[in-house]
Amino acid sequence: MAKTPTGKPATEKPLERYVRILEIVAGFPGGISGTSVGEMLDLPKASAYRLMKSLADVELIEQSGPSAANFKLGRRLERLLFSGASDDWFKVVARPTLQELSEKTGQACFIARLSGDSVRSLDMVAPGGLVRAYIVPGHEIPAHAGASAKAILAFQDPNFIASVLDKPLKRFTAATKVDFAVLVEELQLVRKTGVAYCIGEDVDGFAAIAAPIRIDGQRTQHSLCVTGTIQGIIDTNRETNVAVVKRLAAKLSKVLEKQFRHTLKSTA
C-alpha cells in the first residue's frame, strides 16, 4: 500500500485520524498532550493540535487539569457511553430494588427510561395482581402527565423540554396540566425537591410519585416510580412513599454510576 512521507497509508481517511486520537486519549485518564499524540500517530505537531482542537470544539475531548496542552475524554463522549448502557443489565440489577419498593409501599412500582424524545416504562413489579396497563414495559408515559416522565424531564436541557412540552398536549382528565408555563414551573419544583407527582393527571383516581435516577455530570435517563390510588399514594402515605422512593432512587443511582465508571475504565 502506498504511503505518505510520514509513513501513514495514503488511503487513510480524516475520520480515521479522529478515531485514533480518541483511542489514544482514552488510554490516558489523567490527560495527554497533543505533542505526545502527534508522536504516537506520526503527525506533525500542528496537525495533531488542529485535530484535537476540532474534537475539543465538539466536547469529545477536553482540557485536563491546569495544563491547557493536555487533553482527556470529554463529557459528551462520556454521555454517549452512558446512553449505550444495557437496559437488560440494568433491569436485572434493579429488580431487587423494585421488589423492595413494592413491598414497602404495597403498590405497583416501575422504572422508566428516556428513549429519544419520549419516556417509556422499562421494568415493573406489582404485588399480587395489581397491574396497571400503562406500566407494562415498553409503554410510553405522557411527558406532561406522568410522574416518572416529569422526574426525568425536569433535568433535561431547556430546549429539549420545550421541544417536548411547548405544543398542544392531550388532556387525559380534568387535572391534566397542558399549559407550557405551568408545566415548566412544576419541573423547576421537581428539580429543586428531587420528586415528581402525578395526581389524577393521566387516569382519574390514580396517583404516582417518582424520583430521578441520576449520575452527576450525565444526562438523566431513568426514574423510579410508585403508583396506585390517590388515597393509597397521596392521602394516607405521602411522606413515607416520598422518602422511600427517593432513598431507593439514590441507591439505584449509585449502581448505575458504578456500571458507567466501569464502562469508561474498560475503554481506557
C-alpha atoms as a PDB file:
ATOM      1  CA  MET A   1       0.000   0.000   0.000  1.00  0.00           C
ATOM      2  CA  ALA A   2       1.328   3.437  -0.919  1.00  0.00           C
ATOM      3  CA  LYS A   3       2.357   5.655   1.974  1.00  0.00           C
ATOM      4  CA  THR A   4       2.758   9.358   2.580  1.00  0.00           C
ATOM      5  CA  PRO A   5       6.155  10.920   3.517  1.00  0.00           C
ATOM      6  CA  THR A   6       5.216  10.456   7.198  1.00  0.00           C
ATOM      7  CA  GLY A   7       4.745   6.731   6.697  1.00  0.00           C
ATOM      8  CA  LYS A   8       0.942   6.633   7.043  1.00  0.00           C
ATOM      9  CA  PRO A   9      -1.173   4.793   4.466  1.00  0.00           C
ATOM     10  CA  ALA A  10      -2.099   7.133   1.633  1.00  0.00           C
ATOM     11  CA  THR A  11      -5.697   5.957   1.806  1.00  0.00           C
ATOM     12  CA  GLU A  12      -6.147   6.879   5.477  1.00  0.00           C
ATOM     13  CA  LYS A  13      -9.320   8.923   5.849  1.00  0.00           C
ATOM     14  CA  PRO A  14      -9.598  12.044   8.053  1.00  0.00           C
ATOM     15  CA  LEU A  15     -12.252  10.406  10.234  1.00  0.00           C
ATOM     16  CA  GLU A  16      -9.841   7.558  10.978  1.00  0.00           C
ATOM     17  CA  ARG A  17      -7.390  10.073  12.447  1.00  0.00           C
ATOM     18  CA  TYR A  18     -10.038  11.414  14.802  1.00  0.00           C
ATOM     19  CA  VAL A  19     -10.939   7.901  15.933  1.00  0.00           C
ATOM     20  CA  ARG A  20      -7.298   7.004  16.514  1.00  0.00           C
ATOM     21  CA  ILE A  21      -6.836  10.152  18.600  1.00  0.00           C
ATOM     22  CA  LEU A  22      -9.858   9.220  20.731  1.00  0.00           C
ATOM     23  CA  GLU A  23      -8.458   5.724  21.202  1.00  0.00           C
ATOM     24  CA  ILE A  24      -5.163   7.141  22.433  1.00  0.00           C
ATOM     25  CA  VAL A  25      -6.727   9.774  24.719  1.00  0.00           C
ATOM     26  CA  ALA A  26      -8.964   7.077  26.254  1.00  0.00           C
ATOM     27  CA  GLY A  27      -5.841   5.302  27.440  1.00  0.00           C
ATOM     28  CA  PHE A  28      -4.672   8.331  29.448  1.00  0.00           C
ATOM     29  CA  PRO A  29      -7.398   9.219  32.022  1.00  0.00           C
ATOM     30  CA  GLY A  30      -5.118  11.861  33.517  1.00  0.00           C
ATOM     31  CA  GLY A  31      -4.623  13.562  30.166  1.00  0.00           C
ATOM     32  CA  ILE A  32      -2.118  13.512  27.320  1.00  0.00           C
ATOM     33  CA  SER A  33      -0.561  16.316  25.295  1.00  0.00           C
ATOM     34  CA  GLY A  34      -1.108  16.990  21.626  1.00  0.00           C
ATOM     35  CA  THR A  35       2.634  16.634  21.138  1.00  0.00           C
ATOM     36  CA  SER A  36       2.582  13.086  22.511  1.00  0.00           C
ATOM     37  CA  VAL A  37      -0.440  12.171  20.421  1.00  0.00           C
ATOM     38  CA  GLY A  38       1.255  13.534  17.323  1.00  0.00           C
ATOM     39  CA  GLU A  39       4.355  11.466  18.031  1.00  0.00           C
ATOM     40  CA  MET A  40       2.299   8.302  18.515  1.00  0.00           C
ATOM     41  CA  LEU A  41       0.451   8.840  15.233  1.00  0.00           C
ATOM     42  CA  ASP A  42       3.447  10.206  13.360  1.00  0.00           C
ATOM     43  CA  LEU A  43       1.670  13.504  12.756  1.00  0.00           C
ATOM     44  CA  PRO A  44       3.202  16.996  12.629  1.00  0.00           C
ATOM     45  CA  LYS A  45       2.643  18.845  15.895  1.00  0.00           C
ATOM     46  CA  ALA A  46       0.453  21.474  14.231  1.00  0.00           C
ATOM     47  CA  SER A  47      -1.747  18.803  12.622  1.00  0.00           C
ATOM     48  CA  ALA A  48      -2.183  16.934  15.900  1.00  0.00           C
ATOM     49  CA  TYR A  49      -3.257  20.088  17.736  1.00  0.00           C
ATOM     50  CA  ARG A  50      -5.618  21.058  14.920  1.00  0.00           C
ATOM     51  CA  LEU A  51      -7.348  17.676  15.022  1.00  0.00           C
ATOM     52  CA  MET A  52      -7.514  17.691  18.811  1.00  0.00           C
ATOM     53  CA  LYS A  53      -8.935  21.201  18.833  1.00  0.00           C
ATOM     54  CA  SER A  54     -11.694  20.033  16.488  1.00  0.00           C
ATOM     55  CA  LEU A  55     -12.501  17.181  18.882  1.00  0.00           C
ATOM     56  CA  ALA A  56     -12.462  19.603  21.820  1.00  0.00           C
ATOM     57  CA  ASP A  57     -14.780  22.009  19.994  1.00  0.00           C
ATOM     58  CA  VAL A  58     -17.470  19.313  19.912  1.00  0.00           C
ATOM     59  CA  GLU A  59     -16.700  18.171  23.505  1.00  0.00           C
ATOM     60  CA  LEU A  60     -15.427  14.712  22.600  1.00  0.00           C
ATOM     61  CA  ILE A  61     -12.202  15.575  24.418  1.00  0.00           C
ATOM     62  CA  GLU A  62     -11.471  18.363  26.898  1.00  0.00           C
ATOM     63  CA  GLN A  63      -8.567  20.031  28.644  1.00  0.00           C
ATOM     64  CA  SER A  64      -7.175  18.093  31.578  1.00  0.00           C
ATOM     65  CA  GLY A  65      -6.110  19.856  34.752  1.00  0.00           C
ATOM     66  CA  PRO A  66      -4.220  23.156  34.822  1.00  0.00           C
ATOM     67  CA  SER A  67      -2.280  22.434  31.648  1.00  0.00           C
ATOM     68  CA  ALA A  68      -4.101  23.650  28.546  1.00  0.00           C
ATOM     69  CA  ALA A  69      -1.839  21.399  26.498  1.00  0.00           C
ATOM     70  CA  ASN A  70      -3.227  18.167  27.956  1.00  0.00           C
ATOM     71  CA  PHE A  71      -6.486  16.519  26.950  1.00  0.00           C
ATOM     72  CA  LYS A  72      -8.739  13.737  28.243  1.00  0.00           C
ATOM     73  CA  LEU A  73     -12.056  12.259  27.102  1.00  0.00           C
ATOM     74  CA  GLY A  74     -14.827  14.853  27.126  1.00  0.00           C
ATOM     75  CA  ARG A  75     -18.166  14.698  28.871  1.00  0.00           C
ATOM     76  CA  ARG A  76     -20.049  14.494  25.598  1.00  0.00           C
ATOM     77  CA  LEU A  77     -18.309  11.218  24.784  1.00  0.00           C
ATOM     78  CA  GLU A  78     -18.944  10.018  28.331  1.00  0.00           C
ATOM     79  CA  ARG A  79     -22.640  10.775  27.825  1.00  0.00           C
ATOM     80  CA  LEU A  80     -22.621   8.715  24.637  1.00  0.00           C
ATOM     81  CA  LEU A  81     -21.127   5.776  26.527  1.00  0.00           C
ATOM     82  CA  PHE A  82     -23.673   6.213  29.294  1.00  0.00           C
ATOM     83  CA  SER A  83     -26.539   6.335  26.795  1.00  0.00           C
ATOM     84  CA  GLY A  84     -25.413   2.980  25.448  1.00  0.00           C
ATOM     85  CA  ALA A  85     -25.678   1.256  28.813  1.00  0.00           C
ATOM     86  CA  SER A  86     -27.541  -2.036  28.515  1.00  0.00           C
ATOM     87  CA  ASP A  87     -31.201  -1.906  29.550  1.00  0.00           C
ATOM     88  CA  ASP A  88     -31.149  -5.660  30.154  1.00  0.00           C
ATOM     89  CA  TRP A  89     -28.261  -5.319  32.602  1.00  0.00           C
ATOM     90  CA  PHE A  90     -29.967  -2.502  34.494  1.00  0.00           C
ATOM     91  CA  LYS A  91     -33.259  -4.379  34.680  1.00  0.00           C
ATOM     92  CA  VAL A  92     -31.502  -7.333  36.305  1.00  0.00           C
ATOM     93  CA  VAL A  93     -29.637  -5.307  38.926  1.00  0.00           C
ATOM     94  CA  ALA A  94     -32.610  -3.025  39.613  1.00  0.00           C
ATOM     95  CA  ARG A  95     -35.179  -5.784  40.100  1.00  0.00           C
ATOM     96  CA  PRO A  96     -34.396  -6.353  43.837  1.00  0.00           C
ATOM     97  CA  THR A  97     -34.814  -2.612  44.470  1.00  0.00           C
ATOM     98  CA  LEU A  98     -38.130  -2.596  42.618  1.00  0.00           C
ATOM     99  CA  GLN A  99     -39.283  -5.528  44.727  1.00  0.00           C
ATOM    100  CA  GLU A 100     -38.209  -3.743  47.907  1.00  0.00           C
ATOM    101  CA  LEU A 101     -40.139  -0.630  46.909  1.00  0.00           C
ATOM    102  CA  SER A 102     -43.241  -2.662  46.128  1.00  0.00           C
ATOM    103  CA  GLU A 103     -43.027  -4.493  49.460  1.00  0.00           C
ATOM    104  CA  LYS A 104     -42.573  -1.310  51.469  1.00  0.00           C
ATOM    105  CA  THR A 105     -45.383   0.582  49.746  1.00  0.00           C
ATOM    106  CA  GLY A 106     -47.738  -2.250  48.844  1.00  0.00           C
ATOM    107  CA  GLN A 107     -48.077  -0.667  45.417  1.00  0.00           C
ATOM    108  CA  ALA A 108     -47.043  -1.209  41.809  1.00  0.00           C
ATOM    109  CA  CYS A 109     -43.573   0.148  41.081  1.00  0.00           C
ATOM    110  CA  PHE A 110     -41.604   0.620  37.909  1.00  0.00           C
ATOM    111  CA  ILE A 111     -38.511   2.114  36.295  1.00  0.00           C
ATOM    112  CA  ALA A 112     -38.893   4.495  33.366  1.00  0.00           C
ATOM    113  CA  ARG A 113     -36.300   5.391  30.757  1.00  0.00           C
ATOM    114  CA  LEU A 114     -35.858   8.266  28.347  1.00  0.00           C
ATOM    115  CA  SER A 115     -35.752   6.963  24.788  1.00  0.00           C
ATOM    116  CA  GLY A 116     -35.324   9.605  22.111  1.00  0.00           C
ATOM    117  CA  ASP A 117     -37.859  12.291  22.978  1.00  0.00           C
ATOM    118  CA  SER A 118     -40.231  10.012  24.890  1.00  0.00           C
ATOM    119  CA  VAL A 119     -40.244   8.221  28.236  1.00  0.00           C
ATOM    120  CA  ARG A 120     -41.193   4.545  28.415  1.00  0.00           C
ATOM    121  CA  SER A 121     -41.606   2.058  31.236  1.00  0.00           C
ATOM    122  CA  LEU A 122     -38.602  -0.259  31.403  1.00  0.00           C
ATOM    123  CA  ASP A 123     -39.496  -2.788  34.085  1.00  0.00           C
ATOM    124  CA  MET A 124     -42.143  -3.169  36.772  1.00  0.00           C
ATOM    125  CA  VAL A 125     -43.071  -5.102  39.895  1.00  0.00           C
ATOM    126  CA  ALA A 126     -46.509  -5.258  41.453  1.00  0.00           C
ATOM    127  CA  PRO A 127     -47.934  -7.124  44.473  1.00  0.00           C
ATOM    128  CA  GLY A 128     -50.467  -9.812  43.587  1.00  0.00           C
ATOM    129  CA  GLY A 129     -52.491  -8.915  40.518  1.00  0.00           C
ATOM    130  CA  LEU A 130     -52.117  -5.174  40.994  1.00  0.00           C
ATOM    131  CA  VAL A 131     -51.036  -4.248  37.468  1.00  0.00           C
ATOM    132  CA  ARG A 132     -51.916  -1.115  35.559  1.00  0.00           C
ATOM    133  CA  ALA A 133     -51.845  -1.358  31.776  1.00  0.00           C
ATOM    134  CA  TYR A 134     -49.750   1.759  31.220  1.00  0.00           C
ATOM    135  CA  ILE A 135     -46.766   0.456  33.180  1.00  0.00           C
ATOM    136  CA  VAL A 136     -46.367  -2.644  31.059  1.00  0.00           C
ATOM    137  CA  PRO A 137     -42.717  -2.497  29.915  1.00  0.00           C
ATOM    138  CA  GLY A 138     -42.324  -0.500  26.727  1.00  0.00           C
ATOM    139  CA  HIS A 139     -45.441   1.608  27.149  1.00  0.00           C
ATOM    140  CA  GLU A 140     -44.966   5.360  26.616  1.00  0.00           C
ATOM    141  CA  ILE A 141     -45.538   7.623  29.619  1.00  0.00           C
ATOM    142  CA  PRO A 142     -47.099  11.025  28.813  1.00  0.00           C
ATOM    143  CA  ALA A 143     -44.367  13.584  29.455  1.00  0.00           C
ATOM    144  CA  HIS A 144     -46.761  16.195  30.830  1.00  0.00           C
ATOM    145  CA  ALA A 145     -48.908  13.895  32.938  1.00  0.00           C
ATOM    146  CA  GLY A 146     -46.732  11.044  34.260  1.00  0.00           C
ATOM    147  CA  ALA A 147     -44.652  11.435  37.419  1.00  0.00           C
ATOM    148  CA  SER A 148     -41.927   9.142  36.072  1.00  0.00           C
ATOM    149  CA  ALA A 149     -41.610  11.254  32.926  1.00  0.00           C
ATOM    150  CA  LYS A 150     -41.573  14.524  34.859  1.00  0.00           C
ATOM    151  CA  ALA A 151     -38.804  13.214  37.131  1.00  0.00           C
ATOM    152  CA  ILE A 152     -36.635  12.693  34.058  1.00  0.00           C
ATOM    153  CA  LEU A 153     -37.739  15.714  32.036  1.00  0.00           C
ATOM    154  CA  ALA A 154     -37.017  18.153  34.880  1.00  0.00           C
ATOM    155  CA  PHE A 155     -33.278  17.523  34.490  1.00  0.00           C
ATOM    156  CA  GLN A 156     -33.100  17.978  30.714  1.00  0.00           C
ATOM    157  CA  ASP A 157     -31.872  20.914  28.662  1.00  0.00           C
ATOM    158  CA  PRO A 158     -34.478  23.740  28.422  1.00  0.00           C
ATOM    159  CA  ASN A 159     -34.548  23.421  24.628  1.00  0.00           C
ATOM    160  CA  PHE A 160     -35.336  19.718  24.911  1.00  0.00           C
ATOM    161  CA  ILE A 161     -38.092  20.421  27.434  1.00  0.00           C
ATOM    162  CA  ALA A 162     -39.604  22.992  25.088  1.00  0.00           C
ATOM    163  CA  SER A 163     -39.490  20.579  22.152  1.00  0.00           C
ATOM    164  CA  VAL A 164     -41.475  18.043  24.188  1.00  0.00           C
ATOM    165  CA  LEU A 165     -43.956  20.272  26.005  1.00  0.00           C
ATOM    166  CA  ASP A 166     -44.356  23.513  24.039  1.00  0.00           C
ATOM    167  CA  LYS A 167     -47.073  22.164  21.759  1.00  0.00           C
ATOM    168  CA  PRO A 168     -50.715  21.072  22.004  1.00  0.00           C
ATOM    169  CA  LEU A 169     -50.916  18.408  24.721  1.00  0.00           C
ATOM    170  CA  LYS A 170     -53.589  15.817  25.341  1.00  0.00           C
ATOM    171  CA  ARG A 171     -55.884  16.386  28.293  1.00  0.00           C
ATOM    172  CA  PHE A 172     -56.500  12.978  29.894  1.00  0.00           C
ATOM    173  CA  THR A 173     -58.502  14.198  32.906  1.00  0.00           C
ATOM    174  CA  ALA A 174     -59.709  17.460  34.421  1.00  0.00           C
ATOM    175  CA  ALA A 175     -56.458  17.542  36.434  1.00  0.00           C
ATOM    176  CA  THR A 176     -54.117  17.229  33.423  1.00  0.00           C
ATOM    177  CA  LYS A 177     -51.841  20.250  33.030  1.00  0.00           C
ATOM    178  CA  VAL A 178     -51.472  21.367  29.417  1.00  0.00           C
ATOM    179  CA  ASP A 179     -50.152  24.922  29.794  1.00  0.00           C
ATOM    180  CA  PHE A 180     -46.433  25.143  28.982  1.00  0.00           C
ATOM    181  CA  ALA A 181     -45.630  27.827  31.580  1.00  0.00           C
ATOM    182  CA  VAL A 182     -47.384  25.857  34.315  1.00  0.00           C
ATOM    183  CA  LEU A 183     -45.505  22.691  33.388  1.00  0.00           C
ATOM    184  CA  VAL A 184     -42.145  24.463  33.328  1.00  0.00           C
ATOM    185  CA  GLU A 185     -42.839  25.845  36.805  1.00  0.00           C
ATOM    186  CA  GLU A 186     -43.696  22.347  38.020  1.00  0.00           C
ATOM    187  CA  LEU A 187     -40.499  20.917  36.538  1.00  0.00           C
ATOM    188  CA  GLN A 188     -38.481  23.601  38.308  1.00  0.00           C
ATOM    189  CA  LEU A 189     -40.009  22.434  41.593  1.00  0.00           C
ATOM    190  CA  VAL A 190     -39.207  18.815  40.710  1.00  0.00           C
ATOM    191  CA  ARG A 191     -35.606  19.813  40.089  1.00  0.00           C
ATOM    192  CA  LYS A 192     -35.471  21.583  43.452  1.00  0.00           C
ATOM    193  CA  THR A 193     -37.135  18.845  45.536  1.00  0.00           C
ATOM    194  CA  GLY A 194     -35.999  15.743  43.642  1.00  0.00           C
ATOM    195  CA  VAL A 195     -39.508  14.300  43.500  1.00  0.00           C
ATOM    196  CA  ALA A 196     -42.314  14.405  40.909  1.00  0.00           C
ATOM    197  CA  TYR A 197     -46.036  13.783  41.288  1.00  0.00           C
ATOM    198  CA  CYS A 198     -48.973  12.750  39.164  1.00  0.00           C
ATOM    199  CA  ILE A 199     -52.262  13.184  40.995  1.00  0.00           C
ATOM    200  CA  GLY A 200     -55.160  12.128  38.807  1.00  0.00           C
ATOM    201  CA  GLU A 201     -53.487  13.675  35.772  1.00  0.00           C
ATOM    202  CA  ASP A 202     -53.364  10.630  33.495  1.00  0.00           C
ATOM    203  CA  VAL A 203     -56.102   8.446  34.980  1.00  0.00           C
ATOM    204  CA  ASP A 204     -58.890   9.604  37.320  1.00  0.00           C
ATOM    205  CA  GLY A 205     -58.426   8.366  40.868  1.00  0.00           C
ATOM    206  CA  PHE A 206     -54.810   7.270  40.468  1.00  0.00           C
ATOM    207  CA  ALA A 207     -51.541   8.887  41.502  1.00  0.00           C
ATOM    208  CA  ALA A 208     -47.791   8.343  41.302  1.00  0.00           C
ATOM    209  CA  ILE A 209     -44.614   9.548  42.997  1.00  0.00           C
ATOM    210  CA  ALA A 210     -41.275   9.376  41.184  1.00  0.00           C
ATOM    211  CA  ALA A 211     -37.639  10.315  41.736  1.00  0.00           C
ATOM    212  CA  PRO A 212     -34.852  10.634  39.166  1.00  0.00           C
ATOM    213  CA  ILE A 213     -32.015   8.102  38.950  1.00  0.00           C
ATOM    214  CA  ARG A 214     -29.072  10.395  38.327  1.00  0.00           C
ATOM    215  CA  ILE A 215     -25.321  10.454  37.807  1.00  0.00           C
ATOM    216  CA  ASP A 216     -23.583  13.786  38.336  1.00  0.00           C
ATOM    217  CA  GLY A 217     -22.464  15.294  35.058  1.00  0.00           C
ATOM    218  CA  GLN A 218     -24.514  12.876  32.943  1.00  0.00           C
ATOM    219  CA  ARG A 219     -27.875  13.232  31.291  1.00  0.00           C
ATOM    220  CA  THR A 220     -30.719  11.926  33.466  1.00  0.00           C
ATOM    221  CA  GLN A 221     -32.328   8.994  31.652  1.00  0.00           C
ATOM    222  CA  HIS A 222     -34.091   6.943  34.335  1.00  0.00           C
ATOM    223  CA  SER A 223     -36.575   7.372  37.146  1.00  0.00           C
ATOM    224  CA  LEU A 224     -38.093   5.196  39.864  1.00  0.00           C
ATOM    225  CA  CYS A 225     -41.840   5.402  40.392  1.00  0.00           C
ATOM    226  CA  VAL A 226     -44.552   4.055  42.703  1.00  0.00           C
ATOM    227  CA  THR A 227     -48.158   4.227  41.556  1.00  0.00           C
ATOM    228  CA  GLY A 228     -51.608   3.379  42.926  1.00  0.00           C
ATOM    229  CA  THR A 229     -54.796   5.058  44.043  1.00  0.00           C
ATOM    230  CA  ILE A 230     -54.700   8.667  45.191  1.00  0.00           C
ATOM    231  CA  GLN A 231     -55.814   7.506  48.620  1.00  0.00           C
ATOM    232  CA  GLY A 232     -53.031   4.931  48.941  1.00  0.00           C
ATOM    233  CA  ILE A 233     -50.256   7.011  47.360  1.00  0.00           C
ATOM    234  CA  ILE A 234     -51.056  10.575  48.436  1.00  0.00           C
ATOM    235  CA  ASP A 235     -53.794  10.860  51.050  1.00  0.00           C
ATOM    236  CA  THR A 236     -52.537   8.399  53.663  1.00  0.00           C
ATOM    237  CA  ASN A 237     -48.870   7.595  52.987  1.00  0.00           C
ATOM    238  CA  ARG A 238     -47.483  10.519  51.017  1.00  0.00           C
ATOM    239  CA  GLU A 239     -44.428  11.386  53.140  1.00  0.00           C
ATOM    240  CA  THR A 240     -43.494   7.741  53.689  1.00  0.00           C
ATOM    241  CA  ASN A 241     -43.796   6.988  49.986  1.00  0.00           C
ATOM    242  CA  VAL A 242     -41.751  10.054  49.027  1.00  0.00           C
ATOM    243  CA  ALA A 243     -38.970   9.111  51.440  1.00  0.00           C
ATOM    244  CA  VAL A 244     -38.661   5.510  50.284  1.00  0.00           C
ATOM    245  CA  VAL A 245     -38.832   6.374  46.579  1.00  0.00           C
ATOM    246  CA  LYS A 246     -36.076   8.993  46.927  1.00  0.00           C
ATOM    247  CA  ARG A 247     -33.908   6.688  49.028  1.00  0.00           C
ATOM    248  CA  LEU A 248     -34.148   3.769  46.614  1.00  0.00           C
ATOM    249  CA  ALA A 249     -33.681   6.016  43.559  1.00  0.00           C
ATOM    250  CA  ALA A 250     -30.443   7.230  45.157  1.00  0.00           C
ATOM    251  CA  LYS A 251     -29.442   3.602  45.682  1.00  0.00           C
ATOM    252  CA  LEU A 252     -30.011   2.831  42.002  1.00  0.00           C
ATOM    253  CA  SER A 253     -28.075   5.960  41.057  1.00  0.00           C
ATOM    254  CA  LYS A 254     -25.006   4.518  42.793  1.00  0.00           C
ATOM    255  CA  VAL A 255     -25.459   1.191  40.999  1.00  0.00           C
ATOM    256  CA  LEU A 256     -25.766   2.878  37.618  1.00  0.00           C
ATOM    257  CA  GLU A 257     -22.757   5.101  38.298  1.00  0.00           C
ATOM    258  CA  LYS A 258     -20.565   2.107  39.157  1.00  0.00           C
ATOM    259  CA  GLN A 259     -21.508   0.440  35.887  1.00  0.00           C
ATOM    260  CA  PHE A 260     -20.867   3.648  33.972  1.00  0.00           C
ATOM    261  CA  ARG A 261     -17.426   4.134  35.540  1.00  0.00           C
ATOM    262  CA  HIS A 262     -16.620   0.516  34.747  1.00  0.00           C
ATOM    263  CA  THR A 263     -17.572   1.132  31.116  1.00  0.00           C
ATOM    264  CA  LEU A 264     -15.275   4.147  30.972  1.00  0.00           C
ATOM    265  CA  LYS A 265     -12.437   2.167  32.538  1.00  0.00           C
ATOM    266  CA  SER A 266     -12.940  -0.620  30.017  1.00  0.00           C
ATOM    267  CA  THR A 267     -12.466   1.818  27.141  1.00  0.00           C
ATOM    268  CA  ALA A 268      -9.142   3.002  28.507  1.00  0.00           C
END
